[in-house]
Amino acid sequence: MPNEADMAQAYRDEYASGKQMERYNDPEWYRVVSRTYADSIVRTLKDRAVSGPIVDCGAGWGFLVEMMIQSGFDARGVELSHDQVVFAQKRGLPIQQGDLASLTEMGGRASAVTLSCVFEHLVNHACALSAARRLLAPNGLLITLHPTASFYNVVGRAFRLGDTRKPLPDLEGAFAAPWHTALFSIDATEQFISRHGFRLLDIRPAPQGRHGGWVGLAQRLLELTNRIGWPLFRRRWPLVTSHIFVFERTD
């Protein structure tokens, strides 16, 4: 596993250069693929009646920040990738290079911190959670959308057929080491984040992305299946690939 400094350097210089997946270097492609994720986070913010400053951690090309602003929220973002920050700033979006710890002037003022497909990329999860907590006002919200382990355990077991030394497939970036460092289960997500000064308020199944071709068809079929399975079985339903977790800062 790379250390935290190595990964930060890689995100600054390499991540948006196609080193994860070549298509991720195309902002317009990523806008289309990830729009459902951004929509679901904005909907969650509205459902929770969030007001006041919002910080998006790992803002990428800036599409979630843009959608939050268009929806009337006071949003800004931080992002490690130099190329993505330049792209976002050229479009007039309030995104700066850095991480949550760099926003010292916002300590205790943020109403929410959002992470869209970021938690699975972290090397030092505890440090990121501590930084988020310092930014948040009392009862501020931490909202993270990230892939969870159950679905990928099913896929991994099916692919390996008992041979645990067999390398896993990339699976559209899901097993893209070293960019994805860990896939937490639902219970592990709750337990780990709760130990760092938060309490869980809500869990929602995240929508699928919007790839094209057979991958896109599989995503839509899986999304329809999950609309039936999740209400019936909740946490025990293994086919939701990602979840949205809403945590509240506690004192």
Protein backbone atom coordinates (compact mmCIF):
# COMPACT_ATOMS: atom_id res chain seq x y z
CA MET A 1 0.00 0.00 0.00
CA PRO A 2 1.43 3.40 -0.91
CA ASN A 3 1.87 5.82 1.96
CA GLU A 4 -0.16 8.99 2.33
CA ALA A 5 2.49 11.31 0.86
CA ASP A 6 2.99 9.09 -2.20
CA MET A 7 -0.73 8.94 -2.87
CA ALA A 8 -1.17 12.70 -2.46
CA GLN A 9 1.62 13.25 -4.99
CA ALA A 10 0.05 10.74 -7.38
CA TYR A 11 -3.31 12.50 -7.22
CA ARG A 12 -1.71 15.89 -7.81
CA ASP A 13 0.29 14.78 -10.84
CA GLU A 14 -1.12 11.57 -12.29
CA TYR A 15 -4.74 10.81 -11.43
CA ALA A 16 -6.37 12.98 -14.10
CA SER A 17 -3.77 11.99 -16.71
CA GLY A 18 -5.48 8.71 -17.47
CA LYS A 19 -3.39 6.68 -15.04
CA GLN A 20 -6.49 5.28 -13.32
CA MET A 21 -8.61 4.77 -16.45
CA GLU A 22 -8.08 6.66 -19.68
CA ARG A 23 -11.73 7.69 -19.91
CA TYR A 24 -11.51 9.48 -16.57
CA ASN A 25 -9.33 12.06 -18.28
CA ASP A 26 -12.39 13.21 -20.28
CA PRO A 27 -14.41 15.64 -18.13
CA GLU A 28 -17.48 15.48 -20.36
CA TRP A 29 -17.54 11.69 -20.23
CA TYR A 30 -17.27 11.81 -16.45
CA ARG A 31 -20.06 14.40 -16.20
CA VAL A 32 -22.47 12.04 -17.97
CA VAL A 33 -21.35 8.93 -16.07
CA SER A 34 -21.49 10.55 -12.62
CA ARG A 35 -24.56 12.78 -12.94
CA THR A 36 -26.77 10.33 -11.04
CA TYR A 37 -24.34 10.42 -8.10
CA ALA A 38 -24.38 14.21 -7.97
CA ASP A 39 -28.18 14.27 -8.26
CA SER A 40 -28.52 11.87 -5.33
CA ILE A 41 -26.24 13.92 -3.07
CA VAL A 42 -28.07 17.15 -3.91
CA ARG A 43 -31.36 15.40 -3.16
CA THR A 44 -29.98 14.25 0.20
CA LEU A 45 -28.90 17.81 1.06
CA LYS A 46 -32.40 19.07 0.21
CA ASP A 47 -34.08 16.32 2.23
CA ARG A 48 -31.94 17.32 5.22
CA ALA A 49 -32.71 21.03 4.67
CA VAL A 50 -29.01 21.91 4.76
CA SER A 51 -28.23 25.62 4.83
CA GLY A 52 -24.90 27.36 5.17
CA PRO A 53 -21.50 26.58 3.66
CA ILE A 54 -20.92 23.14 2.13
CA VAL A 55 -17.48 21.72 1.33
CA ASP A 56 -17.05 19.00 -1.27
CA CYS A 57 -13.95 16.93 -0.57
CA GLY A 58 -12.29 15.44 -3.65
CA ALA A 59 -14.28 17.73 -5.92
CA GLY A 60 -12.67 16.44 -9.11
CA TRP A 61 -13.77 18.32 -12.23
CA GLY A 62 -16.26 20.27 -10.10
CA PHE A 63 -19.56 18.91 -11.38
CA LEU A 64 -21.06 18.22 -7.94
CA VAL A 65 -20.07 21.68 -6.67
CA GLU A 66 -21.59 23.18 -9.83
CA MET A 67 -24.85 21.28 -9.31
CA MET A 68 -25.03 22.29 -5.65
CA ILE A 69 -24.56 25.96 -6.55
CA GLN A 70 -27.21 25.69 -9.27
CA SER A 71 -29.54 24.23 -6.63
CA GLY A 72 -29.05 27.26 -4.37
CA PHE A 73 -26.43 25.92 -1.96
CA ASP A 74 -23.34 27.83 -0.80
CA ALA A 75 -20.84 25.23 -2.01
CA ARG A 76 -17.11 25.07 -2.61
CA GLY A 77 -14.62 22.26 -3.05
CA VAL A 78 -11.09 21.00 -2.46
CA GLU A 79 -9.25 18.68 -4.83
CA LEU A 80 -5.69 17.32 -4.94
CA SER A 81 -5.43 16.97 -8.72
CA HIS A 82 -3.81 20.02 -10.30
CA ASP A 83 -5.38 19.37 -13.71
CA GLN A 84 -8.87 19.01 -12.33
CA VAL A 85 -8.57 22.15 -10.20
CA VAL A 86 -7.39 24.17 -13.22
CA PHE A 87 -10.33 22.87 -15.27
CA ALA A 88 -12.84 23.75 -12.53
CA GLN A 89 -11.40 27.20 -11.88
CA LYS A 90 -11.45 28.06 -15.59
CA ARG A 91 -15.19 27.41 -15.42
CA GLY A 92 -15.50 29.84 -12.49
CA LEU A 93 -16.08 27.23 -9.80
CA PRO A 94 -14.84 27.87 -6.22
CA ILE A 95 -12.53 24.89 -6.01
CA GLN A 96 -9.02 25.07 -4.60
CA GLN A 97 -6.16 22.63 -4.59
CA GLY A 98 -5.65 20.81 -1.32
CA ASP A 99 -7.51 18.68 1.18
CA LEU A 100 -9.92 19.38 4.03
CA ALA A 101 -7.08 20.23 6.40
CA SER A 102 -6.11 23.16 4.15
CA LEU A 103 -9.40 25.00 4.88
CA THR A 104 -8.27 26.39 8.22
CA GLU A 105 -10.34 29.57 7.83
CA MET A 106 -13.59 27.54 7.78
CA GLY A 107 -13.12 25.76 11.10
CA GLY A 108 -16.47 25.10 12.77
CA ARG A 109 -18.53 26.86 10.09
CA ALA A 110 -19.45 24.25 7.48
CA SER A 111 -23.00 22.93 7.53
CA ALA A 112 -22.02 19.84 5.53
CA VAL A 113 -19.00 18.06 4.10
CA THR A 114 -19.67 15.85 1.10
CA LEU A 115 -17.56 13.05 -0.36
CA SER A 116 -18.69 11.54 -3.65
CA CYS A 117 -16.73 8.39 -4.52
CA VAL A 118 -13.86 9.57 -2.30
CA PHE A 119 -13.90 7.45 0.87
CA GLU A 120 -12.66 4.37 -1.01
CA HIS A 121 -9.64 6.39 -2.22
CA LEU A 122 -8.38 7.53 1.19
CA VAL A 123 -5.18 6.22 2.71
CA ASN A 124 -5.57 7.86 6.13
CA HIS A 125 -9.32 7.71 6.74
CA ALA A 126 -9.00 8.82 10.36
CA CYS A 127 -7.12 11.98 9.41
CA ALA A 128 -9.73 12.92 6.80
CA LEU A 129 -12.57 12.36 9.28
CA SER A 130 -10.85 14.48 11.91
CA ALA A 131 -10.38 17.28 9.37
CA ALA A 132 -14.05 17.06 8.36
CA ARG A 133 -15.16 17.22 11.98
CA ARG A 134 -13.04 20.34 12.60
CA LEU A 135 -14.70 22.06 9.64
CA LEU A 136 -18.26 21.22 10.65
CA ALA A 137 -20.48 23.34 12.83
CA PRO A 138 -22.23 21.58 15.74
CA ASN A 139 -24.70 19.07 14.26
CA GLY A 140 -23.16 19.57 10.82
CA LEU A 141 -23.47 16.68 8.37
CA LEU A 142 -20.91 14.38 6.81
CA ILE A 143 -22.39 12.85 3.65
CA THR A 144 -20.38 10.18 1.88
CA LEU A 145 -21.32 8.18 -1.21
CA HIS A 146 -18.96 5.26 -1.70
CA PRO A 147 -18.91 1.63 -2.87
CA THR A 148 -19.51 -0.93 -0.14
CA ALA A 149 -18.04 -4.37 0.23
CA SER A 150 -20.92 -6.86 -0.04
CA PHE A 151 -21.47 -6.66 -3.80
CA TYR A 152 -17.75 -6.77 -4.52
CA ASN A 153 -17.24 -9.74 -2.20
CA VAL A 154 -19.87 -11.61 -4.25
CA VAL A 155 -18.14 -10.64 -7.50
CA GLY A 156 -14.69 -11.50 -6.15
CA ARG A 157 -15.74 -14.94 -4.92
CA ALA A 158 -17.51 -15.71 -8.19
CA PHE A 159 -14.49 -14.68 -10.26
CA ARG A 160 -11.87 -16.45 -8.15
CA LEU A 161 -13.79 -19.70 -7.59
CA GLY A 162 -11.87 -20.34 -4.37
CA ASP A 163 -8.44 -19.30 -5.63
CA THR A 164 -7.77 -16.29 -3.39
CA ARG A 165 -4.41 -15.64 -5.06
CA LYS A 166 -6.04 -15.01 -8.43
CA PRO A 167 -5.89 -11.29 -9.34
CA LEU A 168 -9.26 -9.57 -9.40
CA PRO A 169 -10.57 -7.97 -12.61
CA ASP A 170 -10.53 -4.19 -12.86
CA LEU A 171 -14.36 -4.16 -13.01
CA GLU A 172 -14.67 -0.64 -14.44
CA GLY A 173 -12.26 0.75 -11.86
CA ALA A 174 -13.83 -0.90 -8.78
CA PHE A 175 -10.70 -2.94 -8.06
CA ALA A 176 -8.33 -0.31 -9.48
CA ALA A 177 -5.36 -0.52 -7.12
CA PRO A 178 -3.80 1.61 -5.78
CA TRP A 179 -6.45 4.29 -6.36
CA HIS A 180 -9.08 2.29 -4.47
CA THR A 181 -7.48 1.47 -1.15
CA ALA A 182 -10.34 -0.17 0.77
CA LEU A 183 -13.98 -1.17 0.35
CA PHE A 184 -15.78 -0.95 3.69
CA SER A 185 -18.92 -2.89 4.51
CA ILE A 186 -22.02 -1.00 5.63
CA ASP A 187 -21.43 -1.99 9.26
CA ALA A 188 -17.73 -1.15 9.10
CA THR A 189 -18.50 2.27 7.63
CA GLU A 190 -20.89 3.02 10.49
CA GLN A 191 -18.54 1.70 13.17
CA PHE A 192 -15.42 3.41 11.86
CA ILE A 193 -16.91 6.83 11.21
CA SER A 194 -18.88 6.75 14.47
CA ARG A 195 -15.62 6.30 16.38
CA HIS A 196 -14.43 9.65 15.06
CA GLY A 197 -17.12 11.90 16.49
CA PHE A 198 -20.15 11.21 14.29
CA ARG A 199 -23.45 9.37 14.57
CA LEU A 200 -25.29 7.75 11.68
CA LEU A 201 -28.60 9.34 10.68
CA ASP A 202 -29.45 7.62 7.42
CA ILE A 203 -28.32 5.09 4.82
CA ARG A 204 -29.60 5.15 1.25
CA PRO A 205 -28.80 2.99 -1.76
CA ALA A 206 -26.86 5.08 -4.25
CA PRO A 207 -27.91 5.03 -7.90
CA GLN A 208 -25.80 3.41 -10.56
CA GLY A 209 -23.59 5.46 -12.83
CA ARG A 210 -24.49 5.93 -16.47
CA HIS A 211 -21.91 4.14 -18.58
CA GLY A 212 -22.73 3.24 -22.16
CA GLY A 213 -22.98 -0.15 -23.88
CA TRP A 214 -23.44 -3.42 -22.01
CA VAL A 215 -22.04 -1.92 -18.79
CA GLY A 216 -24.72 0.76 -18.85
CA LEU A 217 -27.42 -1.83 -19.49
CA ALA A 218 -26.18 -3.92 -16.55
CA GLN A 219 -26.18 -0.81 -14.35
CA ARG A 220 -29.79 0.01 -15.16
CA LEU A 221 -30.95 -3.56 -14.59
CA LEU A 222 -29.11 -3.68 -11.27
CA GLU A 223 -30.62 -0.36 -10.22
CA LEU A 224 -34.13 -1.67 -10.94
CA THR A 225 -33.38 -4.87 -8.99
CA ASN A 226 -32.13 -2.87 -6.01
CA ARG A 227 -35.32 -0.81 -5.92
CA ILE A 228 -37.06 -4.05 -4.97
CA GLY A 229 -34.38 -5.69 -2.83
CA TRP A 230 -33.25 -2.78 -0.65
CA PRO A 231 -36.70 -1.88 0.83
CA LEU A 232 -37.27 -5.54 1.69
CA PHE A 233 -33.88 -6.53 3.11
CA ARG A 234 -32.09 -3.24 3.82
CA ARG A 235 -28.53 -3.89 5.07
CA ARG A 236 -28.77 -7.60 4.31
CA TRP A 237 -29.33 -6.96 0.59
CA PRO A 238 -25.95 -7.60 -1.11
CA LEU A 239 -26.48 -6.18 -4.62
CA VAL A 240 -26.32 -2.44 -3.94
CA THR A 241 -22.88 -1.44 -5.20
CA SER A 242 -22.69 1.91 -3.34
CA HIS A 243 -24.52 3.60 -0.49
CA ILE A 244 -25.05 7.17 0.71
CA PHE A 245 -24.32 7.59 4.41
CA VAL A 246 -25.50 10.66 6.34
CA PHE A 247 -23.63 11.26 9.59
CA GLU A 248 -24.06 14.08 12.11
CA ARG A 249 -21.20 15.61 14.04
CA THR A 250 -21.53 14.88 17.75
CA ASP A 251 -19.98 16.69 20.72
